[in-house]
Every structure is written in C-alpha cells, then in structure tokens.
C-alpha atoms as a PDB file:
ATOM      1  CA  UNK A   1      58.546 -34.832 -61.307  1.00  0.00           C
ATOM      2  CA  UNK A   2      60.094 -31.601 -62.638  1.00  0.00           C
ATOM      3  CA  UNK A   3      57.353 -31.194 -65.257  1.00  0.00           C
ATOM      4  CA  UNK A   4      54.696 -31.811 -62.576  1.00  0.00           C
ATOM      5  CA  UNK A   5      56.235 -29.132 -60.340  1.00  0.00           C
ATOM      6  CA  UNK A   6      56.348 -26.625 -63.203  1.00  0.00           C
ATOM      7  CA  UNK A   7      52.709 -27.401 -64.034  1.00  0.00           C
ATOM      8  CA  UNK A   8      51.664 -26.813 -60.415  1.00  0.00           C
ATOM      9  CA  UNK A   9      53.543 -23.524 -60.217  1.00  0.00           C
ATOM     10  CA  UNK A  10      52.039 -22.417 -63.546  1.00  0.00           C
ATOM     11  CA  UNK A  11      48.539 -23.308 -62.308  1.00  0.00           C
ATOM     12  CA  UNK A  12      49.059 -21.376 -59.065  1.00  0.00           C
ATOM     13  CA  UNK A  13      50.252 -18.308 -60.982  1.00  0.00           C
ATOM     14  CA  UNK A  14      47.243 -18.486 -63.335  1.00  0.00           C
ATOM     15  CA  UNK A  15      44.811 -18.772 -60.401  1.00  0.00           C
ATOM     16  CA  UNK A  16      46.528 -15.871 -58.618  1.00  0.00           C
ATOM     17  CA  UNK A  17      46.287 -13.713 -61.740  1.00  0.00           C
ATOM     18  CA  UNK A  18      42.588 -14.530 -62.135  1.00  0.00           C
ATOM     19  CA  UNK A  19      41.877 -13.628 -58.495  1.00  0.00           C
ATOM     20  CA  UNK A  20      43.882 -10.404 -58.833  1.00  0.00           C
ATOM     21  CA  UNK A  21      41.954  -9.487 -61.992  1.00  0.00           C
ATOM     22  CA  UNK A  22      38.624 -10.044 -60.243  1.00  0.00           C
ATOM     23  CA  UNK A  23      39.666  -7.910 -57.247  1.00  0.00           C
ATOM     24  CA  UNK A  24      40.932  -5.094 -59.479  1.00  0.00           C
ATOM     25  CA  UNK A  25      37.763  -5.225 -61.592  1.00  0.00           C
ATOM     26  CA  UNK A  26      35.509  -4.984 -58.543  1.00  0.00           C
ATOM     27  CA  UNK A  27      37.559  -2.137 -57.074  1.00  0.00           C
ATOM     28  CA  UNK A  28      37.460  -0.251 -60.385  1.00  0.00           C
ATOM     29  CA  UNK A  29      33.733  -0.873 -60.770  1.00  0.00           C
ATOM     30  CA  UNK A  30      33.058   0.324 -57.226  1.00  0.00           C
ATOM     31  CA  UNK A  31      35.130   3.460 -57.797  1.00  0.00           C
ATOM     32  CA  UNK A  32      33.301   4.175 -61.066  1.00  0.00           C
ATOM     33  CA  UNK A  33      29.937   3.855 -59.321  1.00  0.00           C
ATOM     34  CA  UNK A  34      31.153   6.155 -56.571  1.00  0.00           C
ATOM     35  CA  UNK A  35      32.426   8.715 -59.061  1.00  0.00           C
ATOM     36  CA  UNK A  36      29.187   8.569 -61.053  1.00  0.00           C
ATOM     37  CA  UNK A  37      27.160   9.278 -57.905  1.00  0.00           C
ATOM     38  CA  UNK A  38      26.303  12.926 -57.549  1.00  0.00           C
ATOM     39  CA  UNK A  39      27.642  14.313 -54.280  1.00  0.00           C
ATOM     40  CA  UNK A  40      25.525  17.001 -52.648  1.00  0.00           C
ATOM     41  CA  UNK A  41      27.041  19.348 -50.068  1.00  0.00           C
ATOM     42  CA  UNK A  42      24.790  19.926 -47.075  1.00  0.00           C
ATOM     43  CA  UNK A  43      25.440  22.694 -44.570  1.00  0.00           C
ATOM     44  CA  UNK A  44      24.701  21.759 -40.970  1.00  0.00           C
ATOM     45  CA  UNK A  45      24.586  24.275 -38.124  1.00  0.00           C
ATOM     46  CA  UNK A  46      26.095  22.412 -35.160  1.00  0.00           C
ATOM     47  CA  UNK A  47      25.209  23.761 -31.709  1.00  0.00           C
ATOM     48  CA  UNK A  48      28.586  22.718 -30.273  1.00  0.00           C
ATOM     49  CA  UNK A  49      31.490  20.493 -31.312  1.00  0.00           C
ATOM     50  CA  UNK A  50      31.637  17.753 -28.732  1.00  0.00           C
ATOM     51  CA  UNK A  51      32.671  14.113 -28.410  1.00  0.00           C
ATOM     52  CA  UNK A  52      29.075  13.739 -27.199  1.00  0.00           C
ATOM     53  CA  UNK A  53      28.286  13.550 -30.924  1.00  0.00           C
ATOM     54  CA  UNK A  54      30.825  10.801 -31.676  1.00  0.00           C
ATOM     55  CA  UNK A  55      28.522   8.782 -33.999  1.00  0.00           C
ATOM     56  CA  UNK A  56      28.158  11.804 -36.306  1.00  0.00           C
ATOM     57  CA  UNK A  57      31.929  12.250 -36.568  1.00  0.00           C
ATOM     58  CA  UNK A  58      32.436   8.524 -37.115  1.00  0.00           C
ATOM     59  CA  UNK A  59      30.030   8.712 -40.058  1.00  0.00           C
ATOM     60  CA  UNK A  60      32.025  11.639 -41.441  1.00  0.00           C
ATOM     61  CA  UNK A  61      35.493  10.192 -40.871  1.00  0.00           C
ATOM     62  CA  UNK A  62      34.609   6.693 -42.123  1.00  0.00           C
ATOM     63  CA  UNK A  63      33.085   8.089 -45.315  1.00  0.00           C
ATOM     64  CA  UNK A  64      29.542   6.875 -44.601  1.00  0.00           C
ATOM     65  CA  UNK A  65      28.000  10.168 -45.758  1.00  0.00           C
ATOM     66  CA  UNK A  66      30.189  10.178 -48.850  1.00  0.00           C
ATOM     67  CA  UNK A  67      29.009   6.649 -49.657  1.00  0.00           C
ATOM     68  CA  UNK A  68      25.466   8.018 -49.676  1.00  0.00           C
ATOM     69  CA  UNK A  69      26.347  10.946 -51.934  1.00  0.00           C
ATOM     70  CA  UNK A  70      26.513  13.542 -49.177  1.00  0.00           C
ATOM     71  CA  UNK A  71      29.298  15.966 -48.311  1.00  0.00           C
ATOM     72  CA  UNK A  72      28.761  17.372 -44.818  1.00  0.00           C
ATOM     73  CA  UNK A  73      29.800  20.971 -44.149  1.00  0.00           C
ATOM     74  CA  UNK A  74      29.623  21.531 -40.378  1.00  0.00           C
ATOM     75  CA  UNK A  75      29.246  25.128 -39.183  1.00  0.00           C
ATOM     76  CA  UNK A  76      29.672  25.744 -35.456  1.00  0.00           C
ATOM     77  CA  UNK A  77      26.663  27.808 -34.315  1.00  0.00           C
ATOM     78  CA  UNK A  78      26.529  28.308 -30.536  1.00  0.00           C
ATOM     79  CA  UNK A  79      23.062  28.363 -29.020  1.00  0.00           C
ATOM     80  CA  UNK A  80      20.050  26.299 -30.093  1.00  0.00           C
ATOM     81  CA  UNK A  81      18.133  29.479 -30.945  1.00  0.00           C
ATOM     82  CA  UNK A  82      20.911  30.540 -33.307  1.00  0.00           C
ATOM     83  CA  UNK A  83      20.881  27.106 -34.947  1.00  0.00           C
ATOM     84  CA  UNK A  84      17.124  27.375 -35.576  1.00  0.00           C
ATOM     85  CA  UNK A  85      17.556  30.890 -36.975  1.00  0.00           C
ATOM     86  CA  UNK A  86      20.273  29.680 -39.363  1.00  0.00           C
ATOM     87  CA  UNK A  87      17.902  27.025 -40.743  1.00  0.00           C
ATOM     88  CA  UNK A  88      14.924  29.375 -41.027  1.00  0.00           C
ATOM     89  CA  UNK A  89      17.029  31.992 -42.808  1.00  0.00           C
ATOM     90  CA  UNK A  90      18.288  29.258 -45.170  1.00  0.00           C
ATOM     91  CA  UNK A  91      21.927  29.928 -44.287  1.00  0.00           C
ATOM     92  CA  UNK A  92      22.089  26.172 -43.701  1.00  0.00           C
ATOM     93  CA  UNK A  93      19.865  23.277 -44.723  1.00  0.00           C
ATOM     94  CA  UNK A  94      20.004  21.296 -41.473  1.00  0.00           C
ATOM     95  CA  UNK A  95      20.140  22.210 -37.804  1.00  0.00           C
ATOM     96  CA  UNK A  96      21.758  19.993 -35.179  1.00  0.00           C
ATOM     97  CA  UNK A  97      20.642  21.006 -31.697  1.00  0.00           C
ATOM     98  CA  UNK A  98      17.997  20.326 -29.085  1.00  0.00           C
ATOM     99  CA  UNK A  99      14.552  19.693 -30.643  1.00  0.00           C
ATOM    100  CA  UNK A 100      13.018  22.213 -28.256  1.00  0.00           C
ATOM    101  CA  UNK A 101      13.942  24.714 -30.981  1.00  0.00           C
ATOM    102  CA  UNK A 102      11.476  23.002 -33.321  1.00  0.00           C
ATOM    103  CA  UNK A 103       8.765  23.213 -30.661  1.00  0.00           C
ATOM    104  CA  UNK A 104       9.294  26.954 -30.192  1.00  0.00           C
ATOM    105  CA  UNK A 105       9.200  27.607 -33.955  1.00  0.00           C
ATOM    106  CA  UNK A 106       6.062  25.473 -34.359  1.00  0.00           C
ATOM    107  CA  UNK A 107       4.264  27.334 -31.589  1.00  0.00           C
ATOM    108  CA  UNK A 108       5.277  30.666 -33.098  1.00  0.00           C
ATOM    109  CA  UNK A 109       2.999  29.850 -36.036  1.00  0.00           C
ATOM    110  CA  UNK A 110       5.666  29.516 -38.720  1.00  0.00           C
ATOM    111  CA  UNK A 111       4.006  27.690 -41.641  1.00  0.00           C
ATOM    112  CA  UNK A 112       7.270  26.226 -42.896  1.00  0.00           C
ATOM    113  CA  UNK A 113       8.207  25.029 -39.430  1.00  0.00           C
ATOM    114  CA  UNK A 114      11.064  22.748 -38.373  1.00  0.00           C
ATOM    115  CA  UNK A 115      10.715  18.986 -38.343  1.00  0.00           C
ATOM    116  CA  UNK A 116      13.023  16.539 -36.592  1.00  0.00           C
ATOM    117  CA  UNK A 117      14.045  13.772 -39.006  1.00  0.00           C
ATOM    118  CA  UNK A 118      16.865  12.039 -37.095  1.00  0.00           C
ATOM    119  CA  UNK A 119      17.902  11.724 -33.469  1.00  0.00           C
ATOM    120  CA  UNK A 120      21.348  11.044 -32.048  1.00  0.00           C
ATOM    121  CA  UNK A 121      21.599  11.497 -28.268  1.00  0.00           C
ATOM    122  CA  UNK A 122      19.079  10.186 -25.729  1.00  0.00           C
ATOM    123  CA  UNK A 123      20.030  12.045 -22.577  1.00  0.00           C
ATOM    124  CA  UNK A 124      21.828  15.159 -21.378  1.00  0.00           C
ATOM    125  CA  UNK A 125      25.526  15.164 -22.233  1.00  0.00           C
ATOM    126  CA  UNK A 126      26.752  17.543 -19.548  1.00  0.00           C
ATOM    127  CA  UNK A 127      29.055  16.606 -16.709  1.00  0.00           C
ATOM    128  CA  UNK A 128      29.184  18.421 -13.398  1.00  0.00           C
ATOM    129  CA  UNK A 129      32.649  19.751 -12.650  1.00  0.00           C
ATOM    130  CA  UNK A 130      33.520  20.630  -9.059  1.00  0.00           C
ATOM    131  CA  UNK A 131      36.186  23.102  -8.020  1.00  0.00           C
ATOM    132  CA  UNK A 132      37.080  20.790  -5.125  1.00  0.00           C
ATOM    133  CA  UNK A 133      37.483  17.046  -5.070  1.00  0.00           C
ATOM    134  CA  UNK A 134      34.401  15.256  -3.714  1.00  0.00           C
ATOM    135  CA  UNK A 135      34.324  11.529  -3.095  1.00  0.00           C
ATOM    136  CA  UNK A 136      30.983   9.739  -3.598  1.00  0.00           C
ATOM    137  CA  UNK A 137      29.341  12.884  -4.998  1.00  0.00           C
ATOM    138  CA  UNK A 138      25.560  13.302  -4.749  1.00  0.00           C
ATOM    139  CA  UNK A 139      23.423  16.134  -6.104  1.00  0.00           C
ATOM    140  CA  UNK A 140      22.762  17.095  -2.489  1.00  0.00           C
ATOM    141  CA  UNK A 141      26.376  18.333  -2.417  1.00  0.00           C
ATOM    142  CA  UNK A 142      25.241  21.264  -4.578  1.00  0.00           C
ATOM    143  CA  UNK A 143      23.135  22.718  -1.779  1.00  0.00           C
ATOM    144  CA  UNK A 144      24.348  26.144  -0.738  1.00  0.00           C
ATOM    145  CA  UNK A 145      26.754  26.301  -3.699  1.00  0.00           C
ATOM    146  CA  UNK A 146      26.908  28.330  -6.928  1.00  0.00           C
ATOM    147  CA  UNK A 147      26.525  26.356 -10.166  1.00  0.00           C
ATOM    148  CA  UNK A 148      27.173  27.781 -13.634  1.00  0.00           C
ATOM    149  CA  UNK A 149      24.191  26.338 -15.481  1.00  0.00           C
ATOM    150  CA  UNK A 150      23.972  28.031 -18.898  1.00  0.00           C
ATOM    151  CA  UNK A 151      21.332  30.297 -20.391  1.00  0.00           C
ATOM    152  CA  UNK A 152      17.671  30.415 -19.377  1.00  0.00           C
ATOM    153  CA  UNK A 153      15.420  28.374 -21.669  1.00  0.00           C
ATOM    154  CA  UNK A 154      18.191  26.199 -23.070  1.00  0.00           C
ATOM    155  CA  UNK A 155      18.022  22.421 -22.743  1.00  0.00           C
ATOM    156  CA  UNK A 156      21.261  22.166 -20.737  1.00  0.00           C
ATOM    157  CA  UNK A 157      19.727  24.277 -17.965  1.00  0.00           C
ATOM    158  CA  UNK A 158      16.266  22.689 -18.239  1.00  0.00           C
ATOM    159  CA  UNK A 159      17.750  19.200 -17.899  1.00  0.00           C
ATOM    160  CA  UNK A 160      19.853  20.273 -14.944  1.00  0.00           C
ATOM    161  CA  UNK A 161      16.732  21.678 -13.284  1.00  0.00           C
ATOM    162  CA  UNK A 162      14.955  18.381 -14.031  1.00  0.00           C
ATOM    163  CA  UNK A 163      17.832  16.464 -12.446  1.00  0.00           C
ATOM    164  CA  UNK A 164      17.431  18.540  -9.282  1.00  0.00           C
ATOM    165  CA  UNK A 165      13.681  17.963  -9.300  1.00  0.00           C
ATOM    166  CA  UNK A 166      14.103  14.206  -9.741  1.00  0.00           C
ATOM    167  CA  UNK A 167      16.375  14.169  -6.694  1.00  0.00           C
ATOM    168  CA  UNK A 168      13.875  16.351  -4.776  1.00  0.00           C
ATOM    169  CA  UNK A 169      16.299  19.255  -4.459  1.00  0.00           C
ATOM    170  CA  UNK A 170      14.750  22.728  -4.504  1.00  0.00           C
ATOM    171  CA  UNK A 171      16.403  25.309  -6.739  1.00  0.00           C
ATOM    172  CA  UNK A 172      16.229  27.736  -3.829  1.00  0.00           C
ATOM    173  CA  UNK A 173      18.673  25.489  -1.970  1.00  0.00           C
ATOM    174  CA  UNK A 174      21.511  26.476  -4.321  1.00  0.00           C
ATOM    175  CA  UNK A 175      22.468  29.354  -6.602  1.00  0.00           C
ATOM    176  CA  UNK A 176      22.137  28.655 -10.317  1.00  0.00           C
ATOM    177  CA  UNK A 177      24.097  31.268 -12.250  1.00  0.00           C
ATOM    178  CA  UNK A 178      22.479  31.815 -15.674  1.00  0.00           C
ATOM    179  CA  UNK A 179      24.363  35.004 -16.556  1.00  0.00           C
ATOM    180  CA  UNK A 180      27.252  33.275 -18.370  1.00  0.00           C
ATOM    181  CA  UNK A 181      26.891  32.371 -22.061  1.00  0.00           C
ATOM    182  CA  UNK A 182      27.219  28.715 -22.981  1.00  0.00           C
ATOM    183  CA  UNK A 183      30.483  29.276 -24.881  1.00  0.00           C
ATOM    184  CA  UNK A 184      32.054  31.101 -21.912  1.00  0.00           C
ATOM    185  CA  UNK A 185      31.279  28.647 -19.113  1.00  0.00           C
ATOM    186  CA  UNK A 186      34.767  27.096 -18.985  1.00  0.00           C
ATOM    187  CA  UNK A 187      36.616  30.425 -18.987  1.00  0.00           C
ATOM    188  CA  UNK A 188      34.302  31.870 -16.324  1.00  0.00           C
ATOM    189  CA  UNK A 189      34.896  28.864 -14.070  1.00  0.00           C
ATOM    190  CA  UNK A 190      38.659  29.035 -14.609  1.00  0.00           C
ATOM    191  CA  UNK A 191      38.509  32.728 -13.705  1.00  0.00           C
ATOM    192  CA  UNK A 192      37.008  31.816 -10.342  1.00  0.00           C
ATOM    193  CA  UNK A 193      33.237  32.095 -10.840  1.00  0.00           C
ATOM    194  CA  UNK A 194      31.125  29.381  -9.232  1.00  0.00           C
ATOM    195  CA  UNK A 195      31.725  26.305  -7.128  1.00  0.00           C
ATOM    196  CA  UNK A 196      30.491  23.976  -9.892  1.00  0.00           C
ATOM    197  CA  UNK A 197      29.993  24.210 -13.645  1.00  0.00           C
ATOM    198  CA  UNK A 198      28.016  22.038 -16.060  1.00  0.00           C
ATOM    199  CA  UNK A 199      30.099  21.300 -19.155  1.00  0.00           C
ATOM    200  CA  UNK A 200      30.030  19.180 -22.278  1.00  0.00           C
ATOM    201  CA  UNK A 201      33.048  17.239 -23.385  1.00  0.00           C
ATOM    202  CA  UNK A 202      35.862  17.741 -24.191  1.00  0.00           C
ATOM    203  CA  UNK A 203      35.692  20.853 -21.966  1.00  0.00           C
ATOM    204  CA  UNK A 204      34.930  18.978 -18.737  1.00  0.00           C
ATOM    205  CA  UNK A 205      37.885  16.599 -19.099  1.00  0.00           C
ATOM    206  CA  UNK A 206      40.202  19.424 -20.209  1.00  0.00           C
ATOM    207  CA  UNK A 207      39.441  21.383 -17.045  1.00  0.00           C
ATOM    208  CA  UNK A 208      40.054  18.288 -14.958  1.00  0.00           C
ATOM    209  CA  UNK A 209      43.324  17.388 -16.693  1.00  0.00           C
ATOM    210  CA  UNK A 210      44.560  20.977 -16.424  1.00  0.00           C
ATOM    211  CA  UNK A 211      43.897  20.988 -12.669  1.00  0.00           C
ATOM    212  CA  UNK A 212      40.979  23.425 -12.562  1.00  0.00           C
ATOM    213  CA  UNK A 213      38.379  20.997 -11.255  1.00  0.00           C
ATOM    214  CA  UNK A 214      37.063  17.455 -10.949  1.00  0.00           C
ATOM    215  CA  UNK A 215      34.364  15.709 -13.002  1.00  0.00           C
ATOM    216  CA  UNK A 216      31.965  14.350 -10.393  1.00  0.00           C
ATOM    217  CA  UNK A 217      28.749  13.302 -12.165  1.00  0.00           C
ATOM    218  CA  UNK A 218      26.717  13.037 -15.364  1.00  0.00           C
ATOM    219  CA  UNK A 219      23.668  15.310 -15.504  1.00  0.00           C
ATOM    220  CA  UNK A 220      21.993  12.852 -17.880  1.00  0.00           C
ATOM    221  CA  UNK A 221      22.182  10.142 -15.245  1.00  0.00           C
ATOM    222  CA  UNK A 222      19.742  12.139 -13.150  1.00  0.00           C
ATOM    223  CA  UNK A 223      17.591  13.904 -15.766  1.00  0.00           C
ATOM    224  CA  UNK A 224      16.302  10.905 -17.756  1.00  0.00           C
ATOM    225  CA  UNK A 225      15.832   9.977 -21.411  1.00  0.00           C
ATOM    226  CA  UNK A 226      14.928  12.675 -23.930  1.00  0.00           C
ATOM    227  CA  UNK A 227      15.805  13.377 -27.584  1.00  0.00           C
ATOM    228  CA  UNK A 228      18.538  15.690 -26.361  1.00  0.00           C
ATOM    229  CA  UNK A 229      20.213  16.451 -29.692  1.00  0.00           C
ATOM    230  CA  UNK A 230      18.608  15.879 -33.077  1.00  0.00           C
ATOM    231  CA  UNK A 231      18.741  16.888 -36.720  1.00  0.00           C
ATOM    232  CA  UNK A 232      15.970  19.045 -38.122  1.00  0.00           C
ATOM    233  CA  UNK A 233      15.129  20.986 -41.274  1.00  0.00           C
ATOM    234  CA  UNK A 234      12.257  23.015 -42.604  1.00  0.00           C
ATOM    235  CA  UNK A 235       9.145  21.061 -43.537  1.00  0.00           C
ATOM    236  CA  UNK A 236       9.463  22.070 -47.201  1.00  0.00           C
ATOM    237  CA  UNK A 237      13.103  20.940 -47.412  1.00  0.00           C
ATOM    238  CA  UNK A 238      12.316  17.496 -46.018  1.00  0.00           C
ATOM    239  CA  UNK A 239       9.364  17.095 -48.389  1.00  0.00           C
ATOM    240  CA  UNK A 240      11.433  18.108 -51.424  1.00  0.00           C
ATOM    241  CA  UNK A 241      14.505  16.028 -50.495  1.00  0.00           C
ATOM    242  CA  UNK A 242      13.174  12.680 -49.287  1.00  0.00           C
ATOM    243  CA  UNK A 243      15.992  10.634 -50.828  1.00  0.00           C
ATOM    244  CA  UNK A 244      18.625  12.921 -49.338  1.00  0.00           C
ATOM    245  CA  UNK A 245      17.036  12.685 -45.889  1.00  0.00           C
ATOM    246  CA  UNK A 246      16.835   8.886 -46.110  1.00  0.00           C
ATOM    247  CA  UNK A 247      20.465   8.664 -47.215  1.00  0.00           C
ATOM    248  CA  UNK A 248      21.459  10.972 -44.364  1.00  0.00           C
ATOM    249  CA  UNK A 249      19.752   8.613 -41.910  1.00  0.00           C
ATOM    250  CA  UNK A 250      21.486   5.588 -43.464  1.00  0.00           C
ATOM    251  CA  UNK A 251      24.908   7.190 -43.060  1.00  0.00           C
ATOM    252  CA  UNK A 252      24.222   8.304 -39.493  1.00  0.00           C
ATOM    253  CA  UNK A 253      22.875   4.880 -38.509  1.00  0.00           C
ATOM    254  CA  UNK A 254      26.160   3.334 -39.627  1.00  0.00           C
ATOM    255  CA  UNK A 255      28.011   5.687 -37.292  1.00  0.00           C
ATOM    256  CA  UNK A 256      25.656   4.861 -34.423  1.00  0.00           C
ATOM    257  CA  UNK A 257      26.172   1.119 -34.925  1.00  0.00           C
ATOM    258  CA  UNK A 258      29.941   1.562 -35.178  1.00  0.00           C
ATOM    259  CA  UNK A 259      30.036   3.337 -31.816  1.00  0.00           C
ATOM    260  CA  UNK A 260      27.746   0.746 -30.260  1.00  0.00           C
ATOM    261  CA  UNK A 261      29.769  -2.229 -31.465  1.00  0.00           C
ATOM    262  CA  UNK A 262      33.371  -1.032 -31.154  1.00  0.00           C
ATOM    263  CA  UNK A 263      35.814  -0.316 -28.343  1.00  0.00           C
ATOM    264  CA  UNK A 264      36.476   3.162 -26.983  1.00  0.00           C
ATOM    265  CA  UNK A 265      40.019   2.864 -28.343  1.00  0.00           C
ATOM    266  CA  UNK A 266      38.856   2.209 -31.894  1.00  0.00           C
ATOM    267  CA  UNK A 267      36.202   4.958 -31.753  1.00  0.00           C
ATOM    268  CA  UNK A 268      38.714   7.466 -30.390  1.00  0.00           C
ATOM    269  CA  UNK A 269      41.175   6.756 -33.201  1.00  0.00           C
ATOM    270  CA  UNK A 270      38.465   7.318 -35.838  1.00  0.00           C
ATOM    271  CA  UNK A 271      37.327  10.717 -34.490  1.00  0.00           C
ATOM    272  CA  UNK A 272      40.771  11.979 -33.426  1.00  0.00           C
ATOM    273  CA  UNK A 273      41.016  14.325 -36.439  1.00  0.00           C
ATOM    274  CA  UNK A 274      37.843  16.085 -35.305  1.00  0.00           C
ATOM    275  CA  UNK A 275      39.499  17.183 -32.056  1.00  0.00           C
ATOM    276  CA  UNK A 276      43.048  18.357 -32.825  1.00  0.00           C
ATOM    277  CA  UNK A 277      43.462  20.016 -29.433  1.00  0.00           C
ATOM    278  CA  UNK A 278      42.645  16.782 -27.558  1.00  0.00           C
ATOM    279  CA  UNK A 279      44.980  13.837 -27.077  1.00  0.00           C
ATOM    280  CA  UNK A 280      44.004  10.288 -27.992  1.00  0.00           C
ATOM    281  CA  UNK A 281      43.961   9.361 -24.297  1.00  0.00           C
ATOM    282  CA  UNK A 282      41.603  12.259 -23.516  1.00  0.00           C
ATOM    283  CA  UNK A 283      39.237  11.231 -26.286  1.00  0.00           C
ATOM    284  CA  UNK A 284      39.238   7.614 -25.108  1.00  0.00           C
ATOM    285  CA  UNK A 285      38.458   8.798 -21.584  1.00  0.00           C
ATOM    286  CA  UNK A 286      35.552  10.923 -22.810  1.00  0.00           C
ATOM    287  CA  UNK A 287      34.091   8.284 -25.150  1.00  0.00           C
ATOM    288  CA  UNK A 288      34.080   5.857 -22.233  1.00  0.00           C
ATOM    289  CA  UNK A 289      32.207   8.383 -20.084  1.00  0.00           C
ATOM    290  CA  UNK A 290      29.519   8.790 -22.692  1.00  0.00           C
ATOM    291  CA  UNK A 291      29.292   5.047 -23.293  1.00  0.00           C
ATOM    292  CA  UNK A 292      28.950   4.419 -19.559  1.00  0.00           C
ATOM    293  CA  UNK A 293      26.205   7.050 -19.400  1.00  0.00           C
ATOM    294  CA  UNK A 294      24.251   5.287 -22.198  1.00  0.00           C
ATOM    295  CA  UNK A 295      24.166   8.544 -24.159  1.00  0.00           C
ATOM    296  CA  UNK A 296      23.223   7.487 -27.697  1.00  0.00           C
ATOM    297  CA  UNK A 297      20.083   6.234 -29.397  1.00  0.00           C
ATOM    298  CA  UNK A 298      20.193   2.764 -30.984  1.00  0.00           C
ATOM    299  CA  UNK A 299      19.202   4.289 -34.326  1.00  0.00           C
ATOM    300  CA  UNK A 300      18.008   7.634 -35.689  1.00  0.00           C
ATOM    301  CA  UNK A 301      14.346   7.129 -34.753  1.00  0.00           C
ATOM    302  CA  UNK A 302      13.077   9.462 -32.024  1.00  0.00           C
ATOM    303  CA  UNK A 303      10.662   7.549 -29.749  1.00  0.00           C
ATOM    304  CA  UNK A 304       7.400   9.282 -28.908  1.00  0.00           C
ATOM    305  CA  UNK A 305       7.980   8.574 -25.209  1.00  0.00           C
ATOM    306  CA  UNK A 306      11.282  10.457 -25.269  1.00  0.00           C
ATOM    307  CA  UNK A 307       9.712  13.395 -27.101  1.00  0.00           C
ATOM    308  CA  UNK A 308       6.924  13.577 -24.540  1.00  0.00           C
ATOM    309  CA  UNK A 309       9.523  13.493 -21.751  1.00  0.00           C
ATOM    310  CA  UNK A 310      11.072  16.556 -23.388  1.00  0.00           C
ATOM    311  CA  UNK A 311       7.687  18.280 -23.479  1.00  0.00           C
ATOM    312  CA  UNK A 312       7.120  17.388 -19.823  1.00  0.00           C
ATOM    313  CA  UNK A 313      10.341  19.205 -18.966  1.00  0.00           C
ATOM    314  CA  UNK A 314       9.325  22.237 -21.007  1.00  0.00           C
ATOM    315  CA  UNK A 315       5.813  22.336 -19.505  1.00  0.00           C
ATOM    316  CA  UNK A 316       7.155  21.903 -15.986  1.00  0.00           C
ATOM    317  CA  UNK A 317       9.548  24.825 -16.486  1.00  0.00           C
ATOM    318  CA  UNK A 318       6.855  27.071 -17.938  1.00  0.00           C
ATOM    319  CA  UNK A 319       8.425  27.129 -21.429  1.00  0.00           C
ATOM    320  CA  UNK A 320       5.478  25.272 -22.984  1.00  0.00           C
ATOM    321  CA  UNK A 321       1.768  25.429 -22.169  1.00  0.00           C
ATOM    322  CA  UNK A 322       0.495  22.311 -23.934  1.00  0.00           C
ATOM    323  CA  UNK A 323       1.780  19.261 -25.747  1.00  0.00           C
ATOM    324  CA  UNK A 324       2.401  19.659 -29.463  1.00  0.00           C
ATOM    325  CA  UNK A 325       1.554  16.997 -32.030  1.00  0.00           C
ATOM    326  CA  UNK A 326       4.403  14.475 -32.155  1.00  0.00           C
ATOM    327  CA  UNK A 327       3.564  13.474 -35.741  1.00  0.00           C
ATOM    328  CA  UNK A 328       3.762  17.082 -36.873  1.00  0.00           C
ATOM    329  CA  UNK A 329       7.262  17.615 -35.519  1.00  0.00           C
ATOM    330  CA  UNK A 330       8.957  14.214 -35.753  1.00  0.00           C
ATOM    331  CA  UNK A 331       9.445  12.384 -39.063  1.00  0.00           C
ATOM    332  CA  UNK A 332      11.087   9.019 -38.407  1.00  0.00           C
ATOM    333  CA  UNK A 333      10.721   7.498 -41.880  1.00  0.00           C
END
C-alpha cells in the first residue's frame, strides 16, 4: 500500500513537471516571437481625448496594437482642420478626427489626398448640458435659448444643426453661439456664457458632477448615423504601408469587440489610466452613456450609407456642393 502511494505521488509530480515545462516553453516561445517582431511607432493626431473613443484606448491598454507590432503615440490636436494639417505636413502619419476633413482636402485638389481606412464611432458623441435641471427634456426646450455649439464648419456643430432639422426646429428659434473654440466650451459655460452647451465626455459629466449643469440629452440620438470619427492617412502612406494598416485595423477591431462584449465596469477599469483626472465611477457612468447611445461601429469598416449621410449633412449646410466618390476616400480593406 505504501509503495503504491509513493508511486502515485511520484507519477503526479512527474505529470505536474511535464505540464509546467510545456507552459513555460510556450510562454518563452511566445515572448521570443514578440521580441523578434519589429515594433513600429506611429504618431496619431487625436482631435480630442474622450471616453467616446473607448475602443481605441482599450486596444492600447490591452496591448492589442503591441501584439500587431505597433506602438501608438497619441498627440492631442484640437480641431479637425488642425488634425488634417498635421497629417498633410507629415508631422504625424495618421489623423483621428471627423472624415469631413478628408472631403475638404480631396475637393481642394490635393493629389496625395487623405483616405479613411478605419472607422470607430457611428454617431455624434456630444451631450447637451443644461444650466438648469429639465425633466423629460426635448430639443424644443432649446427654443429662445443660447447654445454653445462649437466652431462653424466642424462636425459637432453640423450634427447639432442636423439634429435640430430632424426635429423640425428652425435655427432662428434659438441662438447658436459659434464664437467659442471647441477646447474652451466648458470654461465659457462655467463662466456664465449660454443656457446650454454641447460637450463630449468626460467634460459633460464633470460639469454635472461639479454642479455647473445637467446632462439632458445625446446629440447623436437626434442627428443619425454617420462615420463621426475615423482614422485617415495620406493616399501614398496607405499604399506603401498596407501591412501596417491591416494590422492597425486588427488591433482596433479587438478593442471594438471588447467594448461590445464586456460590462461598463470592466471597460472602465481597462481605460482608467487614460483619464487620470476622472474617477472610476465617472468613467463607468460615461461608458454606459455611450453604450446606451449605440455610439460605436461593429468593426472598422465605414458603410457607404453612413458616408453618404455625412455628405448629406455637408451639402445641406452648404459646406459641400456635390457628392464625392466613396471609393476614392474610403478604403475598408
């Protein structure tokens, strides 16, 4: 009996050692492959740093880009026009902003124009913040009031104007203040300008939690589905770096799927490092808002219908005369 017990224990130890050896070998092999993979640093001009872009930050924090041999260097660049300029001047390789920038550059006759190669958000990410508490808010409540709407020509303002149009509200029935720069909207509202302000997160929730206002509605709920924020690069860069672009899409798609399939709590914990001035509870609150608003694409492909919706908005506002060729500006594969 004693010999049998010793034999069993010996067998268990041998099996355990074999399993441990296999695990260690696989881990070492995986690490060697990872180390052998050339990592390329890519500079991205980011129009704003917002929880609206949670899938991007998940891909960064979970190492999905690193797995594909990419090191992402995010550079905050306020204003979609400034993002486009940074790409065209080759200060960065990739722009992350509204694809209307690519349309403007294309129509300006630039031969090495901008092409959208990956989408992320599918509707406007702004929230309307009211100075006073309003129960059961409707866009009609904006009539006769002053709204800080952002700069003329920018997608935040164009989508807000589209939201008004969809609800059959004339712009003449309210005052849309376009004199305040995008980056200064929160501070202007805190200083007493306007009855309402349109803000991205985390700014909207911060104002609410600090007692300066109340988040009453999502602009995207009213304005419809468009490729609101996308990644683009110059035509030549995309042509010369096809593998890099494909790997970028792979990494971003993993982040999109993670956000789609996981709880707000889990998502918030992953991206917490990206927002050091926000608490975990604030981030959870904001992620839930964007999830409830159905803010993100299911993958990086930009549907033609969404792109044409964007052009409809631009044509309606007088920013575009005719449709541009979708296949010229959007590269999905």
